[in-house]
């Protein structure tokens, strides 16, 4: 099997794993406080990644720690807002669904060129502008549901997490010019775990009533959705065609909806309106990420 094919399969696997995380997070935060989930998830991911990359640990210097902490704060914002957005304990009926969260979280693909524009003064290209309009249209169709509930607080929190993710991507690209990716990732994971632990101890009850399923989901999230998926993404993007990489990773949203609709119960069922909204958002993501060049070059 050719290396490019293996790399594409690695990226597809990462998209499937991340897609499965949205429903798991929603189910887990119903019995485990959000910050304790993040503590467990990122402590486990840190331990696993540090063991695998233990030869790189001595090379961590002050600059890597500084950059890693900055990125870790942004990463914390991404994950905590996304988890709060689907938490019925925190938001009640204003919590969003796992399926909606999957697509709204992926809006970072569309936001990133505009965040980069704000920071670097480099204007986004026409594909980014088209993607932005498509994304706004798709979100409008998705959240303005037929029952009149409109946009939920959970939707807004997940969209805010997308902005944090876009900010993280822009600064990650900037800091990677001077730092090793794995060392930087370890510091980021440690930062998320430390911030989460401090807030959990101060404001949240210890999850003594968390179910076995919740703990099992937390283990899966820490090992597979954080450490393993990251390794698959790094390998895949190193060896696959860039357009292929972007297209495959954009499938995270559809897989998230698929898992939610299949295993999430009645409140995750798909409606015609939601399918149209998801489809338009997916078109926006693909347009922004690939500039539609994949039509001629993907999987070459």
Protein backbone atom coordinates (compact mmCIF):
# COMPACT_ATOMS: atom_id res chain seq x y z
CA UNK A 1 0.00 0.00 0.00
CA UNK A 2 1.39 3.41 -0.98
CA UNK A 3 2.38 5.85 1.76
CA UNK A 4 -0.09 8.46 0.48
CA UNK A 5 -2.91 5.94 0.78
CA UNK A 6 -1.87 5.06 4.33
CA UNK A 7 -1.67 8.76 5.16
CA UNK A 8 -5.17 9.33 3.78
CA UNK A 9 -6.49 6.45 5.87
CA UNK A 10 -4.79 7.96 8.93
CA UNK A 11 -6.51 11.30 8.32
CA UNK A 12 -9.85 9.60 7.74
CA UNK A 13 -9.40 7.68 10.99
CA UNK A 14 -8.66 10.92 12.83
CA UNK A 15 -11.85 12.45 11.41
CA UNK A 16 -13.88 9.41 12.50
CA UNK A 17 -12.40 9.50 16.02
CA UNK A 18 -13.00 13.22 16.43
CA UNK A 19 -16.49 12.81 15.02
CA UNK A 20 -17.27 10.27 17.72
CA UNK A 21 -16.14 12.66 20.45
CA UNK A 22 -19.09 15.07 20.23
CA UNK A 23 -21.72 12.58 21.37
CA UNK A 24 -19.38 11.15 24.00
CA UNK A 25 -18.69 14.58 25.46
CA UNK A 26 -22.39 15.39 25.56
CA UNK A 27 -23.24 12.12 27.33
CA UNK A 28 -20.28 12.38 29.72
CA UNK A 29 -20.95 15.93 30.95
CA UNK A 30 -24.43 14.82 31.99
CA UNK A 31 -22.84 13.05 34.99
CA UNK A 32 -19.32 14.49 35.19
CA UNK A 33 -18.56 18.22 35.62
CA UNK A 34 -16.96 19.77 32.56
CA UNK A 35 -13.67 20.77 34.15
CA UNK A 36 -13.09 17.41 35.82
CA UNK A 37 -13.63 15.78 32.43
CA UNK A 38 -10.98 18.08 30.95
CA UNK A 39 -8.60 17.36 33.85
CA UNK A 40 -8.89 13.62 33.32
CA UNK A 41 -8.81 13.82 29.52
CA UNK A 42 -5.75 16.05 29.23
CA UNK A 43 -3.81 14.52 32.12
CA UNK A 44 -4.19 11.11 30.49
CA UNK A 45 -3.25 12.51 27.07
CA UNK A 46 -0.21 14.30 28.57
CA UNK A 47 1.01 11.14 30.29
CA UNK A 48 0.63 9.05 27.14
CA UNK A 49 2.24 11.61 24.82
CA UNK A 50 5.08 12.29 27.29
CA UNK A 51 5.86 8.58 27.51
CA UNK A 52 5.88 8.11 23.73
CA UNK A 53 7.91 11.29 23.17
CA UNK A 54 10.07 10.96 26.32
CA UNK A 55 13.30 11.50 24.36
CA UNK A 56 12.04 14.95 23.38
CA UNK A 57 11.31 16.12 26.93
CA UNK A 58 14.87 17.31 27.74
CA UNK A 59 14.66 19.68 24.77
CA UNK A 60 11.80 21.71 26.26
CA UNK A 61 13.11 25.22 26.88
CA UNK A 62 11.71 28.50 28.19
CA UNK A 63 10.49 29.64 24.76
CA UNK A 64 8.59 26.40 24.17
CA UNK A 65 7.00 26.69 27.62
CA UNK A 66 5.99 30.30 26.95
CA UNK A 67 4.46 29.51 23.55
CA UNK A 68 2.88 26.30 24.83
CA UNK A 69 1.15 28.10 27.70
CA UNK A 70 -0.25 30.78 25.38
CA UNK A 71 -1.55 28.12 23.00
CA UNK A 72 -2.80 26.04 25.93
CA UNK A 73 -5.02 28.89 27.11
CA UNK A 74 -6.58 29.07 23.64
CA UNK A 75 -6.94 25.29 23.54
CA UNK A 76 -8.62 25.37 26.95
CA UNK A 77 -11.11 27.92 25.61
CA UNK A 78 -11.85 25.67 22.65
CA UNK A 79 -12.58 22.57 24.70
CA UNK A 80 -14.35 24.10 27.69
CA UNK A 81 -16.75 26.18 25.58
CA UNK A 82 -17.49 23.19 23.37
CA UNK A 83 -18.21 20.98 26.38
CA UNK A 84 -20.32 23.62 28.15
CA UNK A 85 -22.32 24.10 24.97
CA UNK A 86 -23.67 20.53 25.10
CA UNK A 87 -23.99 20.30 28.89
CA UNK A 88 -27.61 19.99 30.00
CA UNK A 89 -26.43 20.38 33.60
CA UNK A 90 -24.93 23.80 32.87
CA UNK A 91 -27.48 25.06 30.33
CA UNK A 92 -30.63 22.96 30.71
CA UNK A 93 -32.83 23.25 27.62
CA UNK A 94 -30.43 25.81 26.14
CA UNK A 95 -27.79 23.10 25.58
CA UNK A 96 -27.18 22.28 21.94
CA UNK A 97 -27.16 18.78 20.45
CA UNK A 98 -24.06 16.73 19.65
CA UNK A 99 -24.88 16.88 15.93
CA UNK A 100 -25.17 20.66 15.85
CA UNK A 101 -22.06 20.94 17.98
CA UNK A 102 -20.11 18.81 15.49
CA UNK A 103 -20.73 21.20 12.62
CA UNK A 104 -20.61 24.45 14.59
CA UNK A 105 -17.26 23.43 16.08
CA UNK A 106 -15.88 22.95 12.56
CA UNK A 107 -16.70 26.55 11.64
CA UNK A 108 -13.11 27.35 12.75
CA UNK A 109 -12.07 26.31 9.22
CA UNK A 110 -14.00 29.28 7.85
CA UNK A 111 -13.03 31.69 10.64
CA UNK A 112 -9.27 31.05 10.50
CA UNK A 113 -8.51 33.17 7.36
CA UNK A 114 -10.33 36.13 8.91
CA UNK A 115 -8.55 35.78 12.26
CA UNK A 116 -5.28 35.60 10.30
CA UNK A 117 -6.33 38.76 8.45
CA UNK A 118 -6.93 40.59 11.74
CA UNK A 119 -3.53 39.57 13.11
CA UNK A 120 -1.32 39.71 10.00
CA UNK A 121 -3.26 42.24 7.86
CA UNK A 122 -3.26 39.73 4.97
CA UNK A 123 -6.69 39.74 3.36
CA UNK A 124 -8.49 36.42 2.84
CA UNK A 125 -8.97 35.22 -0.72
CA UNK A 126 -12.29 35.01 -2.56
CA UNK A 127 -12.79 31.39 -1.54
CA UNK A 128 -12.67 32.39 2.13
CA UNK A 129 -15.26 35.12 1.52
CA UNK A 130 -17.55 32.71 -0.36
CA UNK A 131 -17.10 30.16 2.44
CA UNK A 132 -18.03 32.78 5.05
CA UNK A 133 -21.30 33.60 3.28
CA UNK A 134 -22.12 29.90 2.87
CA UNK A 135 -21.32 29.28 6.52
CA UNK A 136 -23.58 32.10 7.74
CA UNK A 137 -26.38 30.79 5.51
CA UNK A 138 -25.90 27.23 6.76
CA UNK A 139 -25.85 28.28 10.42
CA UNK A 140 -28.96 30.37 9.90
CA UNK A 141 -30.86 27.43 8.41
CA UNK A 142 -29.54 25.08 11.09
CA UNK A 143 -30.36 27.13 14.19
CA UNK A 144 -33.60 28.79 13.07
CA UNK A 145 -35.54 25.61 13.61
CA UNK A 146 -39.16 25.11 12.66
CA UNK A 147 -40.28 24.90 16.30
CA UNK A 148 -39.26 28.49 16.87
CA UNK A 149 -36.50 27.82 19.43
CA UNK A 150 -33.97 29.68 17.32
CA UNK A 151 -30.32 29.89 18.29
CA UNK A 152 -29.51 28.34 21.67
CA UNK A 153 -26.99 29.47 24.27
CA UNK A 154 -25.18 26.20 23.59
CA UNK A 155 -24.90 27.07 19.90
CA UNK A 156 -23.29 30.41 20.79
CA UNK A 157 -20.81 28.75 23.14
CA UNK A 158 -19.77 26.23 20.49
CA UNK A 159 -19.36 29.04 17.95
CA UNK A 160 -17.19 30.86 20.50
CA UNK A 161 -15.13 27.67 20.82
CA UNK A 162 -14.66 27.76 17.03
CA UNK A 163 -13.22 31.26 17.32
CA UNK A 164 -10.79 30.07 20.02
CA UNK A 165 -9.82 27.19 17.74
CA UNK A 166 -9.19 29.56 14.81
CA UNK A 167 -7.07 31.78 17.05
CA UNK A 168 -5.17 28.71 18.22
CA UNK A 169 -4.45 27.60 14.64
CA UNK A 170 -3.13 31.02 13.62
CA UNK A 171 -0.77 31.29 16.57
CA UNK A 172 0.23 27.64 16.32
CA UNK A 173 1.43 28.26 12.78
CA UNK A 174 3.39 31.27 14.04
CA UNK A 175 5.01 29.48 16.98
CA UNK A 176 5.82 26.28 15.07
CA UNK A 177 8.41 28.24 13.10
CA UNK A 178 10.56 28.26 16.23
CA UNK A 179 9.38 25.22 18.22
CA UNK A 180 9.06 21.45 17.91
CA UNK A 181 5.43 20.39 17.41
CA UNK A 182 5.37 17.52 19.92
CA UNK A 183 7.13 19.46 22.68
CA UNK A 184 4.74 22.34 22.11
CA UNK A 185 1.77 19.97 22.23
CA UNK A 186 2.83 18.47 25.57
CA UNK A 187 3.04 21.93 27.17
CA UNK A 188 -0.38 22.79 25.74
CA UNK A 189 -1.92 19.65 27.21
CA UNK A 190 -0.33 20.35 30.60
CA UNK A 191 -1.68 23.91 30.50
CA UNK A 192 -5.24 22.76 29.78
CA UNK A 193 -5.03 20.17 32.58
CA UNK A 194 -3.69 22.70 35.13
CA UNK A 195 -6.25 25.41 34.30
CA UNK A 196 -9.06 22.87 34.40
CA UNK A 197 -7.89 21.43 37.73
CA UNK A 198 -7.71 24.86 39.35
CA UNK A 199 -11.25 25.77 38.22
CA UNK A 200 -12.62 22.31 39.04
CA UNK A 201 -11.28 22.41 42.61
CA UNK A 202 -12.61 25.92 43.13
CA UNK A 203 -16.09 25.63 41.63
CA UNK A 204 -17.12 22.05 40.83
CA UNK A 205 -18.03 19.05 42.99
CA UNK A 206 -15.86 15.98 42.60
CA UNK A 207 -17.63 13.51 40.26
CA UNK A 208 -18.34 10.84 42.87
CA UNK A 209 -21.64 10.02 41.15
CA UNK A 210 -20.17 9.75 37.65
CA UNK A 211 -21.23 6.54 35.95
CA UNK A 212 -18.88 3.85 34.73
CA UNK A 213 -19.86 4.86 31.21
CA UNK A 214 -18.75 8.42 31.90
CA UNK A 215 -15.35 7.27 33.15
CA UNK A 216 -14.97 4.94 30.17
CA UNK A 217 -15.82 7.81 27.82
CA UNK A 218 -13.28 10.04 29.57
CA UNK A 219 -10.59 7.38 29.04
CA UNK A 220 -11.52 7.07 25.36
CA UNK A 221 -11.48 10.86 24.96
CA UNK A 222 -8.07 11.13 26.59
CA UNK A 223 -6.39 8.29 24.72
CA UNK A 224 -8.04 8.20 21.31
CA UNK A 225 -9.69 11.60 20.72
CA UNK A 226 -6.68 13.53 22.02
CA UNK A 227 -3.38 11.62 21.83
CA UNK A 228 -4.04 9.01 19.10
CA UNK A 229 -6.01 11.33 16.79
CA UNK A 230 -3.26 13.94 17.07
CA UNK A 231 -0.64 11.37 16.06
CA UNK A 232 -2.77 10.24 13.10
CA UNK A 233 -3.23 13.85 11.98
CA UNK A 234 0.50 14.63 12.21
CA UNK A 235 1.43 11.51 10.21
CA UNK A 236 -1.33 12.03 7.66
CA UNK A 237 -0.60 15.69 6.98
CA UNK A 238 3.10 14.97 6.63
CA UNK A 239 2.62 12.41 3.83
CA UNK A 240 -0.75 13.13 2.18
CA UNK A 241 -1.53 15.72 -0.46
CA UNK A 242 -2.53 19.03 1.25
CA UNK A 243 -5.89 19.17 -0.53
CA UNK A 244 -6.58 15.56 0.40
CA UNK A 245 -5.68 16.32 4.02
CA UNK A 246 -8.05 19.28 4.24
CA UNK A 247 -10.90 17.39 2.59
CA UNK A 248 -10.55 14.31 4.79
CA UNK A 249 -10.27 16.28 8.04
CA UNK A 250 -13.38 18.28 7.11
CA UNK A 251 -15.33 15.02 7.42
CA UNK A 252 -15.16 15.37 11.21
CA UNK A 253 -18.49 17.23 11.14
CA UNK A 254 -20.42 14.68 9.05
CA UNK A 255 -19.06 11.82 11.15
CA UNK A 256 -20.13 13.72 14.27
CA UNK A 257 -23.67 14.00 12.94
CA UNK A 258 -23.66 10.34 11.88
CA UNK A 259 -22.66 9.13 15.36
CA UNK A 260 -25.16 11.46 17.02
CA UNK A 261 -28.06 10.48 14.77
CA UNK A 262 -27.27 6.76 15.12
CA UNK A 263 -26.61 6.54 18.85
CA UNK A 264 -27.88 9.80 20.33
CA UNK A 265 -31.58 9.18 20.73
CA UNK A 266 -34.65 11.14 19.68
CA UNK A 267 -33.24 14.61 20.32
CA UNK A 268 -30.43 13.94 17.83
CA UNK A 269 -32.71 12.91 14.97
CA UNK A 270 -32.12 14.61 11.66
CA UNK A 271 -34.68 16.90 10.08
CA UNK A 272 -34.76 18.16 6.52
CA UNK A 273 -33.82 21.65 7.75
CA UNK A 274 -30.85 20.39 9.75
CA UNK A 275 -29.57 18.27 6.84
CA UNK A 276 -29.69 21.31 4.54
CA UNK A 277 -27.89 23.43 7.14
CA UNK A 278 -25.23 20.77 7.69
CA UNK A 279 -24.70 20.36 3.96
CA UNK A 280 -24.21 24.10 3.38
CA UNK A 281 -21.78 24.39 6.32
CA UNK A 282 -19.84 21.42 4.94
CA UNK A 283 -19.64 23.13 1.55
CA UNK A 284 -18.32 26.24 3.28
CA UNK A 285 -15.66 24.23 5.13
CA UNK A 286 -14.54 22.38 2.01
CA UNK A 287 -14.43 25.63 0.02
CA UNK A 288 -12.36 27.39 2.67
CA UNK A 289 -9.97 24.51 3.29
CA UNK A 290 -9.34 23.29 -0.27
CA UNK A 291 -10.09 26.31 -2.48
CA UNK A 292 -11.87 23.67 -4.57
CA UNK A 293 -8.53 22.51 -5.98
CA UNK A 294 -9.30 18.97 -4.87
CA UNK A 295 -11.43 18.53 -7.99
CA UNK A 296 -8.27 18.09 -10.02
CA UNK A 297 -5.66 16.91 -7.54
CA UNK A 298 -7.13 15.05 -4.60
CA UNK A 299 -5.80 11.49 -4.15
CA UNK A 300 -3.32 11.79 -7.00
